[in-house]
PDB file of N, CA and C in Angstrom:
ATOM      1  N   MET A   1     -23.489 -20.523 -71.359  1.00  0.00           N
ATOM      2  CA  MET A   1     -22.638 -19.817 -72.314  1.00  0.00           C
ATOM      3  C   MET A   1     -21.323 -20.035 -72.981  1.00  0.00           C
ATOM      4  N   SER A   2     -21.086 -20.249 -74.163  1.00  0.00           N
ATOM      5  CA  SER A   2     -19.654 -20.844 -74.522  1.00  0.00           C
ATOM      6  C   SER A   2     -18.577 -19.831 -74.214  1.00  0.00           C
ATOM      7  N   MET A   3     -17.433 -20.246 -73.621  1.00  0.00           N
ATOM      8  CA  MET A   3     -16.220 -19.225 -73.565  1.00  0.00           C
ATOM      9  C   MET A   3     -15.103 -19.874 -73.826  1.00  0.00           C
ATOM     10  N   VAL A   4     -14.046 -18.964 -74.139  1.00  0.00           N
ATOM     11  CA  VAL A   4     -12.677 -19.521 -74.497  1.00  0.00           C
ATOM     12  C   VAL A   4     -11.819 -18.618 -73.812  1.00  0.00           C
ATOM     13  N   VAL A   5     -10.643 -19.372 -73.359  1.00  0.00           N
ATOM     14  CA  VAL A   5      -9.500 -18.469 -72.541  1.00  0.00           C
ATOM     15  C   VAL A   5      -8.219 -17.753 -73.470  1.00  0.00           C
ATOM     16  N   THR A   6      -8.055 -16.859 -73.258  1.00  0.00           N
ATOM     17  CA  THR A   6      -7.023 -16.112 -74.115  1.00  0.00           C
ATOM     18  C   THR A   6      -6.247 -15.651 -73.114  1.00  0.00           C
ATOM     19  N   ALA A   7      -4.892 -15.219 -73.544  1.00  0.00           N
ATOM     20  CA  ALA A   7      -3.693 -14.540 -73.092  1.00  0.00           C
ATOM     21  C   ALA A   7      -2.996 -13.753 -73.892  1.00  0.00           C
ATOM     22  N   ASN A   8      -1.827 -13.499 -73.525  1.00  0.00           N
ATOM     23  CA  ASN A   8      -0.367 -13.071 -74.036  1.00  0.00           C
ATOM     24  C   ASN A   8       0.627 -13.789 -73.877  1.00  0.00           C
ATOM     25  N   GLN A   9       1.157 -14.420 -74.944  1.00  0.00           N
ATOM     26  CA  GLN A   9       2.700 -15.073 -74.645  1.00  0.00           C
ATOM     27  C   GLN A   9       3.415 -14.058 -74.067  1.00  0.00           C
ATOM     28  N   LEU A  10       4.076 -14.393 -72.749  1.00  0.00           N
ATOM     29  CA  LEU A  10       5.030 -13.685 -72.022  1.00  0.00           C
ATOM     30  C   LEU A  10       6.217 -13.011 -72.839  1.00  0.00           C
ATOM     31  N   ARG A  11       6.638 -13.906 -73.740  1.00  0.00           N
ATOM     32  CA  ARG A  11       7.882 -13.061 -74.489  1.00  0.00           C
ATOM     33  C   ARG A  11       7.702 -12.543 -75.580  1.00  0.00           C
ATOM     34  N   SER A  12       6.610 -12.605 -76.392  1.00  0.00           N
ATOM     35  CA  SER A  12       6.495 -11.823 -77.608  1.00  0.00           C
ATOM     36  C   SER A  12       5.084 -10.680 -77.445  1.00  0.00           C
ATOM     37  N   GLY A  13       4.293 -11.326 -76.646  1.00  0.00           N
ATOM     38  CA  GLY A  13       2.996 -10.165 -76.549  1.00  0.00           C
ATOM     39  C   GLY A  13       1.998 -10.769 -77.328  1.00  0.00           C
ATOM     40  N   ALA A  14       2.429 -11.921 -78.235  1.00  0.00           N
ATOM     41  CA  ALA A  14       1.455 -12.303 -79.015  1.00  0.00           C
ATOM     42  C   ALA A  14      -0.281 -12.814 -78.351  1.00  0.00           C
ATOM     43  N   VAL A  15      -1.229 -12.618 -79.137  1.00  0.00           N
ATOM     44  CA  VAL A  15      -2.556 -13.095 -78.690  1.00  0.00           C
ATOM     45  C   VAL A  15      -2.529 -14.557 -78.904  1.00  0.00           C
ATOM     46  N   VAL A  16      -2.722 -15.366 -77.914  1.00  0.00           N
ATOM     47  CA  VAL A  16      -3.114 -16.897 -77.833  1.00  0.00           C
ATOM     48  C   VAL A  16      -4.183 -17.130 -77.372  1.00  0.00           C
ATOM     49  N   TYR A  17      -4.740 -18.569 -77.541  1.00  0.00           N
ATOM     50  CA  TYR A  17      -5.808 -18.973 -77.112  1.00  0.00           C
ATOM     51  C   TYR A  17      -5.872 -20.556 -76.385  1.00  0.00           C
ATOM     52  N   LEU A  18      -6.291 -21.131 -75.256  1.00  0.00           N
ATOM     53  CA  LEU A  18      -5.860 -22.165 -74.704  1.00  0.00           C
ATOM     54  C   LEU A  18      -6.531 -23.507 -75.696  1.00  0.00           C
ATOM     55  N   GLY A  19      -5.620 -24.435 -76.029  1.00  0.00           N
ATOM     56  CA  GLY A  19      -6.010 -25.333 -76.833  1.00  0.00           C
ATOM     57  C   GLY A  19      -6.642 -26.622 -76.447  1.00  0.00           C
ATOM     58  N   SER A  20      -6.774 -27.537 -76.657  1.00  0.00           N
ATOM     59  CA  SER A  20      -7.416 -28.950 -76.451  1.00  0.00           C
ATOM     60  C   SER A  20      -6.537 -29.512 -75.569  1.00  0.00           C
ATOM     61  N   THR A  21      -5.073 -29.479 -75.622  1.00  0.00           N
ATOM     62  CA  THR A  21      -4.171 -30.512 -75.141  1.00  0.00           C
ATOM     63  C   THR A  21      -3.658 -29.507 -73.872  1.00  0.00           C
ATOM     64  N   GLY A  22      -3.798 -28.290 -73.831  1.00  0.00           N
ATOM     65  CA  GLY A  22      -3.391 -27.227 -72.490  1.00  0.00           C
ATOM     66  C   GLY A  22      -2.423 -26.633 -73.144  1.00  0.00           C
ATOM     67  N   ASP A  23      -2.185 -26.633 -74.401  1.00  0.00           N
ATOM     68  CA  ASP A  23      -0.981 -25.829 -75.288  1.00  0.00           C
ATOM     69  C   ASP A  23      -1.684 -24.374 -75.704  1.00  0.00           C
ATOM     70  N   TRP A  24      -1.164 -23.664 -75.786  1.00  0.00           N
ATOM     71  CA  TRP A  24      -1.453 -22.276 -76.414  1.00  0.00           C
ATOM     72  C   TRP A  24      -1.318 -22.400 -77.905  1.00  0.00           C
ATOM     73  N   VAL A  25      -2.658 -21.922 -78.564  1.00  0.00           N
ATOM     74  CA  VAL A  25      -2.598 -21.788 -79.938  1.00  0.00           C
ATOM     75  C   VAL A  25      -2.789 -20.374 -80.209  1.00  0.00           C
ATOM     76  N   ASP A  26      -2.356 -19.932 -81.798  1.00  0.00           N
ATOM     77  CA  ASP A  26      -2.241 -18.638 -82.124  1.00  0.00           C
ATOM     78  C   ASP A  26      -3.660 -18.281 -82.932  1.00  0.00           C
ATOM     79  N   ALA A  27      -4.535 -19.154 -82.940  1.00  0.00           N
ATOM     80  CA  ALA A  27      -5.810 -19.013 -83.806  1.00  0.00           C
ATOM     81  C   ALA A  27      -6.995 -19.584 -83.030  1.00  0.00           C
ATOM     82  N   ILE A  28      -8.106 -18.567 -82.982  1.00  0.00           N
ATOM     83  CA  ILE A  28      -9.211 -18.882 -82.332  1.00  0.00           C
ATOM     84  C   ILE A  28      -9.808 -20.280 -82.668  1.00  0.00           C
ATOM     85  N   ASP A  29      -9.653 -20.571 -83.838  1.00  0.00           N
ATOM     86  CA  ASP A  29     -10.281 -21.815 -84.454  1.00  0.00           C
ATOM     87  C   ASP A  29      -9.738 -22.988 -83.713  1.00  0.00           C
ATOM     88  N   HIS A  30      -8.528 -22.983 -83.162  1.00  0.00           N
ATOM     89  CA  HIS A  30      -8.065 -24.358 -82.566  1.00  0.00           C
ATOM     90  C   HIS A  30      -8.097 -23.967 -81.049  1.00  0.00           C
ATOM     91  N   ALA A  31      -8.956 -23.025 -80.462  1.00  0.00           N
ATOM     92  CA  ALA A  31      -9.291 -22.933 -79.149  1.00  0.00           C
ATOM     93  C   ALA A  31     -10.155 -23.876 -78.300  1.00  0.00           C
ATOM     94  N   THR A  32      -9.933 -24.411 -77.559  1.00  0.00           N
ATOM     95  CA  THR A  32     -11.035 -25.330 -76.582  1.00  0.00           C
ATOM     96  C   THR A  32     -11.947 -24.503 -76.041  1.00  0.00           C
ATOM     97  N   VAL A  33     -13.261 -24.746 -76.358  1.00  0.00           N
ATOM     98  CA  VAL A  33     -14.577 -24.044 -76.046  1.00  0.00           C
ATOM     99  C   VAL A  33     -15.104 -24.602 -74.655  1.00  0.00           C
ATOM    100  N   ALA A  34     -15.159 -23.911 -73.510  1.00  0.00           N
ATOM    101  CA  ALA A  34     -15.938 -24.530 -72.451  1.00  0.00           C
ATOM    102  C   ALA A  34     -17.512 -24.490 -72.679  1.00  0.00           C
ATOM    103  N   GLU A  35     -18.074 -25.245 -72.719  1.00  0.00           N
ATOM    104  CA  GLU A  35     -19.567 -25.427 -72.674  1.00  0.00           C
ATOM    105  C   GLU A  35     -20.274 -25.177 -71.296  1.00  0.00           C
ATOM    106  N   ASP A  36     -19.752 -25.441 -70.241  1.00  0.00           N
ATOM    107  CA  ASP A  36     -20.287 -25.453 -68.888  1.00  0.00           C
ATOM    108  C   ASP A  36     -19.096 -25.063 -67.803  1.00  0.00           C
ATOM    109  N   ALA A  37     -20.165 -24.927 -66.587  1.00  0.00           N
ATOM    110  CA  ALA A  37     -18.864 -24.168 -65.485  1.00  0.00           C
ATOM    111  C   ALA A  37     -17.863 -25.159 -65.006  1.00  0.00           C
ATOM    112  N   GLY A  38     -18.028 -26.611 -65.206  1.00  0.00           N
ATOM    113  CA  GLY A  38     -16.700 -27.765 -64.995  1.00  0.00           C
ATOM    114  C   GLY A  38     -15.803 -27.604 -65.930  1.00  0.00           C
ATOM    115  N   ALA A  39     -16.186 -27.324 -67.184  1.00  0.00           N
ATOM    116  CA  ALA A  39     -14.987 -27.035 -68.241  1.00  0.00           C
ATOM    117  C   ALA A  39     -14.313 -25.593 -68.296  1.00  0.00           C
ATOM    118  N   MET A  40     -15.040 -25.089 -67.662  1.00  0.00           N
ATOM    119  CA  MET A  40     -14.517 -23.828 -67.649  1.00  0.00           C
ATOM    120  C   MET A  40     -13.455 -23.803 -66.346  1.00  0.00           C
ATOM    121  N   GLN A  41     -13.844 -24.266 -65.477  1.00  0.00           N
ATOM    122  CA  GLN A  41     -12.905 -24.490 -64.129  1.00  0.00           C
ATOM    123  C   GLN A  41     -11.553 -25.189 -64.585  1.00  0.00           C
ATOM    124  N   ARG A  42     -11.604 -26.319 -65.358  1.00  0.00           N
ATOM    125  CA  ARG A  42     -10.504 -26.987 -65.812  1.00  0.00           C
ATOM    126  C   ARG A  42      -9.413 -26.224 -66.784  1.00  0.00           C
ATOM    127  N   LEU A  43     -10.175 -25.252 -67.548  1.00  0.00           N
ATOM    128  CA  LEU A  43      -9.402 -24.239 -68.577  1.00  0.00           C
ATOM    129  C   LEU A  43      -8.589 -23.219 -67.433  1.00  0.00           C
ATOM    130  N   GLU A  44      -9.470 -23.121 -66.389  1.00  0.00           N
ATOM    131  CA  GLU A  44      -8.795 -22.001 -65.434  1.00  0.00           C
ATOM    132  C   GLU A  44      -7.566 -22.252 -64.777  1.00  0.00           C
ATOM    133  N   ALA A  45      -7.885 -23.723 -64.592  1.00  0.00           N
ATOM    134  CA  ALA A  45      -6.439 -24.275 -63.669  1.00  0.00           C
ATOM    135  C   ALA A  45      -5.396 -24.514 -64.720  1.00  0.00           C
ATOM    136  N   ILE A  46      -5.707 -24.798 -65.730  1.00  0.00           N
ATOM    137  CA  ILE A  46      -4.694 -24.786 -66.847  1.00  0.00           C
ATOM    138  C   ILE A  46      -3.892 -23.688 -67.132  1.00  0.00           C
ATOM    139  N   ALA A  47      -4.616 -22.731 -67.197  1.00  0.00           N
ATOM    140  CA  ALA A  47      -4.429 -21.212 -67.673  1.00  0.00           C
ATOM    141  C   ALA A  47      -3.528 -20.806 -66.214  1.00  0.00           C
ATOM    142  N   ALA A  48      -3.979 -21.021 -64.962  1.00  0.00           N
ATOM    143  CA  ALA A  48      -3.216 -20.775 -63.665  1.00  0.00           C
ATOM    144  C   ALA A  48      -1.847 -21.028 -63.824  1.00  0.00           C
ATOM    145  N   ALA A  49      -1.875 -22.469 -64.285  1.00  0.00           N
ATOM    146  CA  ALA A  49      -0.291 -23.145 -64.069  1.00  0.00           C
ATOM    147  C   ALA A  49       0.621 -22.549 -65.211  1.00  0.00           C
ATOM    148  N   ALA A  50      -0.004 -22.050 -66.262  1.00  0.00           N
ATOM    149  CA  ALA A  50       0.772 -21.300 -67.322  1.00  0.00           C
ATOM    150  C   ALA A  50       1.386 -20.045 -66.806  1.00  0.00           C
ATOM    151  N   VAL A  51       0.372 -19.491 -66.224  1.00  0.00           N
ATOM    152  CA  VAL A  51       1.216 -17.862 -65.309  1.00  0.00           C
ATOM    153  C   VAL A  51       2.030 -18.183 -64.519  1.00  0.00           C
ATOM    154  N   GLU A  52       1.753 -19.192 -63.635  1.00  0.00           N
ATOM    155  CA  GLU A  52       2.664 -19.638 -62.687  1.00  0.00           C
ATOM    156  C   GLU A  52       4.265 -20.010 -63.456  1.00  0.00           C
ATOM    157  N   HIS A  53       4.147 -20.554 -64.461  1.00  0.00           N
ATOM    158  CA  HIS A  53       5.337 -21.130 -65.140  1.00  0.00           C
ATOM    159  C   HIS A  53       5.913 -20.018 -66.219  1.00  0.00           C
ATOM    160  N   CYS A  54       5.460 -18.975 -65.970  1.00  0.00           N
ATOM    161  CA  CYS A  54       5.739 -17.812 -67.211  1.00  0.00           C
ATOM    162  C   CYS A  54       5.693 -18.077 -68.271  1.00  0.00           C
ATOM    163  N   GLU A  55       4.496 -18.676 -69.012  1.00  0.00           N
ATOM    164  CA  GLU A  55       4.249 -18.702 -70.394  1.00  0.00           C
ATOM    165  C   GLU A  55       3.269 -17.594 -70.875  1.00  0.00           C
ATOM    166  N   VAL A  56       2.526 -17.063 -69.971  1.00  0.00           N
ATOM    167  CA  VAL A  56       1.481 -16.387 -70.245  1.00  0.00           C
ATOM    168  C   VAL A  56       1.372 -15.264 -69.476  1.00  0.00           C
ATOM    169  N   THR A  57       0.434 -14.560 -69.791  1.00  0.00           N
ATOM    170  CA  THR A  57      -0.006 -13.170 -68.888  1.00  0.00           C
ATOM    171  C   THR A  57      -1.379 -12.556 -69.447  1.00  0.00           C
ATOM    172  N   ALA A  58      -2.158 -11.963 -68.440  1.00  0.00           N
ATOM    173  CA  ALA A  58      -3.303 -11.349 -68.771  1.00  0.00           C
ATOM    174  C   ALA A  58      -4.082 -12.282 -69.524  1.00  0.00           C
ATOM    175  N   VAL A  59      -4.379 -13.349 -68.681  1.00  0.00           N
ATOM    176  CA  VAL A  59      -5.509 -14.500 -68.893  1.00  0.00           C
ATOM    177  C   VAL A  59      -6.729 -14.117 -68.553  1.00  0.00           C
ATOM    178  N   TYR A  60      -7.621 -14.350 -69.375  1.00  0.00           N
ATOM    179  CA  TYR A  60      -9.161 -14.251 -69.004  1.00  0.00           C
ATOM    180  C   TYR A  60      -9.810 -14.893 -70.176  1.00  0.00           C
ATOM    181  N   ALA A  61     -11.168 -15.407 -69.652  1.00  0.00           N
ATOM    182  CA  ALA A  61     -11.990 -16.024 -70.540  1.00  0.00           C
ATOM    183  C   ALA A  61     -13.220 -14.859 -71.185  1.00  0.00           C
ATOM    184  N   PHE A  62     -13.573 -15.074 -72.229  1.00  0.00           N
ATOM    185  CA  PHE A  62     -14.757 -14.500 -73.191  1.00  0.00           C
ATOM    186  C   PHE A  62     -15.363 -15.308 -73.671  1.00  0.00           C
ATOM    187  N   ALA A  63     -16.678 -14.594 -73.862  1.00  0.00           N
ATOM    188  CA  ALA A  63     -18.008 -15.603 -74.367  1.00  0.00           C
ATOM    189  C   ALA A  63     -17.817 -15.517 -76.097  1.00  0.00           C
ATOM    190  N   VAL A  64     -17.915 -16.991 -76.552  1.00  0.00           N
ATOM    191  CA  VAL A  64     -17.878 -16.980 -77.896  1.00  0.00           C
ATOM    192  C   VAL A  64     -19.533 -17.469 -78.482  1.00  0.00           C
ATOM    193  N   GLN A  65     -19.625 -17.649 -79.698  1.00  0.00           N
ATOM    194  CA  GLN A  65     -20.710 -18.101 -80.355  1.00  0.00           C
ATOM    195  C   GLN A  65     -20.302 -19.247 -81.470  1.00  0.00           C
ATOM    196  N   ILE A  66     -20.947 -20.440 -81.355  1.00  0.00           N
ATOM    197  CA  ILE A  66     -20.434 -21.315 -82.352  1.00  0.00           C
ATOM    198  C   ILE A  66     -21.332 -21.095 -83.888  1.00  0.00           C
ATOM    199  N   VAL A  67     -20.440 -20.615 -84.660  1.00  0.00           N
ATOM    200  CA  VAL A  67     -21.141 -20.465 -86.123  1.00  0.00           C
ATOM    201  C   VAL A  67     -20.349 -21.522 -87.145  1.00  0.00           C
ATOM    202  N   GLY A  68     -20.725 -22.286 -87.678  1.00  0.00           N
ATOM    203  CA  GLY A  68     -20.429 -23.094 -88.385  1.00  0.00           C
ATOM    204  C   GLY A  68     -19.518 -24.028 -88.113  1.00  0.00           C
ATOM    205  N   GLY A  69     -19.478 -24.297 -86.891  1.00  0.00           N
ATOM    206  CA  GLY A  69     -18.599 -25.175 -86.071  1.00  0.00           C
ATOM    207  C   GLY A  69     -17.166 -24.392 -85.401  1.00  0.00           C
ATOM    208  N   ARG A  70     -17.050 -23.201 -85.530  1.00  0.00           N
ATOM    209  CA  ARG A  70     -15.881 -22.654 -85.285  1.00  0.00           C
ATOM    210  C   ARG A  70     -16.223 -21.224 -84.125  1.00  0.00           C
ATOM    211  N   PRO A  71     -15.796 -21.171 -83.052  1.00  0.00           N
ATOM    212  CA  PRO A  71     -15.830 -20.135 -82.180  1.00  0.00           C
ATOM    213  C   PRO A  71     -15.737 -18.843 -82.970  1.00  0.00           C
ATOM    214  N   VAL A  72     -16.592 -18.141 -82.540  1.00  0.00           N
ATOM    215  CA  VAL A  72     -16.750 -16.514 -82.835  1.00  0.00           C
ATOM    216  C   VAL A  72     -16.866 -15.539 -81.633  1.00  0.00           C
ATOM    217  N   PRO A  73     -15.965 -14.635 -81.536  1.00  0.00           N
ATOM    218  CA  PRO A  73     -16.198 -13.712 -80.505  1.00  0.00           C
ATOM    219  C   PRO A  73     -17.349 -13.016 -80.463  1.00  0.00           C
ATOM    220  N   LEU A  74     -18.139 -12.564 -79.230  1.00  0.00           N
ATOM    221  CA  LEU A  74     -19.416 -11.929 -79.478  1.00  0.00           C
ATOM    222  C   LEU A  74     -18.910 -10.486 -79.240  1.00  0.00           C
ATOM    223  N   THR A  75     -17.849  -9.865 -78.533  1.00  0.00           N
ATOM    224  CA  THR A  75     -17.283  -8.546 -78.765  1.00  0.00           C
ATOM    225  C   THR A  75     -16.387  -8.151 -79.803  1.00  0.00           C
ATOM    226  N   MET A  76     -16.657  -7.138 -79.759  1.00  0.00           N
ATOM    227  CA  MET A  76     -15.834  -6.411 -81.059  1.00  0.00           C
ATOM    228  C   MET A  76     -14.346  -6.196 -80.675  1.00  0.00           C
ATOM    229  N   ARG A  77     -13.892  -6.097 -79.472  1.00  0.00           N
ATOM    230  CA  ARG A  77     -12.499  -6.279 -78.859  1.00  0.00           C
ATOM    231  C   ARG A  77     -12.015  -7.306 -79.022  1.00  0.00           C
ATOM    232  N   GLU A  78     -12.785  -8.669 -78.843  1.00  0.00           N
ATOM    233  CA  GLU A  78     -12.038 -10.220 -79.022  1.00  0.00           C
ATOM    234  C   GLU A  78     -12.287 -10.354 -80.394  1.00  0.00           C
ATOM    235  N   ARG A  79     -13.070  -9.712 -81.614  1.00  0.00           N
ATOM    236  CA  ARG A  79     -12.908 -10.039 -82.921  1.00  0.00           C
ATOM    237  C   ARG A  79     -11.783  -9.239 -83.439  1.00  0.00           C
ATOM    238  N   ILE A  80     -11.503  -8.305 -82.529  1.00  0.00           N
ATOM    239  CA  ILE A  80      -9.850  -7.393 -83.130  1.00  0.00           C
ATOM    240  C   ILE A  80      -8.967  -8.459 -82.982  1.00  0.00           C
ATOM    241  N   ARG A  81      -9.119  -9.174 -81.766  1.00  0.00           N
ATOM    242  CA  ARG A  81      -7.728  -9.467 -81.335  1.00  0.00           C
ATOM    243  C   ARG A  81      -7.603 -11.143 -81.866  1.00  0.00           C
ATOM    244  N   ALA A  82      -8.754 -11.720 -82.603  1.00  0.00           N
ATOM    245  CA  ALA A  82      -8.628 -12.861 -83.075  1.00  0.00           C
ATOM    246  C   ALA A  82      -8.267 -12.359 -84.539  1.00  0.00           C
ATOM    247  N   ALA A  83      -8.572 -11.523 -84.967  1.00  0.00           N
ATOM    248  CA  ALA A  83      -8.061 -11.251 -86.749  1.00  0.00           C
ATOM    249  C   ALA A  83      -6.821 -10.708 -86.539  1.00  0.00           C
ATOM    250  N   LYS A  84      -6.050 -10.525 -85.708  1.00  0.00           N
ATOM    251  CA  LYS A  84      -4.752 -10.455 -85.446  1.00  0.00           C
ATOM    252  C   LYS A  84      -4.237  -9.083 -86.467  1.00  0.00           C
ATOM    253  N   ALA A  85      -5.311  -8.067 -87.054  1.00  0.00           N
ATOM    254  CA  ALA A  85      -5.015  -7.096 -87.470  1.00  0.00           C
ATOM    255  C   ALA A  85      -5.342  -5.613 -87.222  1.00  0.00           C
ATOM    256  N   PRO A  86      -4.742  -4.747 -87.303  1.00  0.00           N
ATOM    257  CA  PRO A  86      -4.472  -3.477 -86.632  1.00  0.00           C
ATOM    258  C   PRO A  86      -6.104  -2.721 -87.167  1.00  0.00           C
ATOM    259  N   THR A  87      -6.337  -1.942 -86.414  1.00  0.00           N
ATOM    260  CA  THR A  87      -7.440  -1.030 -86.273  1.00  0.00           C
ATOM    261  C   THR A  87      -6.996   0.342 -86.766  1.00  0.00           C
ATOM    262  N   VAL A  88      -7.689   0.903 -88.271  1.00  0.00           N
ATOM    263  CA  VAL A  88      -7.354   1.846 -88.771  1.00  0.00           C
ATOM    264  C   VAL A  88      -8.679   2.440 -89.432  1.00  0.00           C
TER     265      VAL A  88
END
């Protein structure tokens, strides 16, 4: 199953995703997608270091489906977070 790592920036609270170079990006389209357990372990290690350096908080991974070459969250919660729009 394809997975993406997300968190919140510690200073602003903004939703961010772990990018391919270990940076935190604000768009899910630029997130690194882990396709296997080994890739997921590497992303988790990078994320843990970011937590230790007080860059992000509330880190977790969630499942995505690749549609048209881009990751699309499987859950409504993550779709809302990715859209960065209020729910009304």
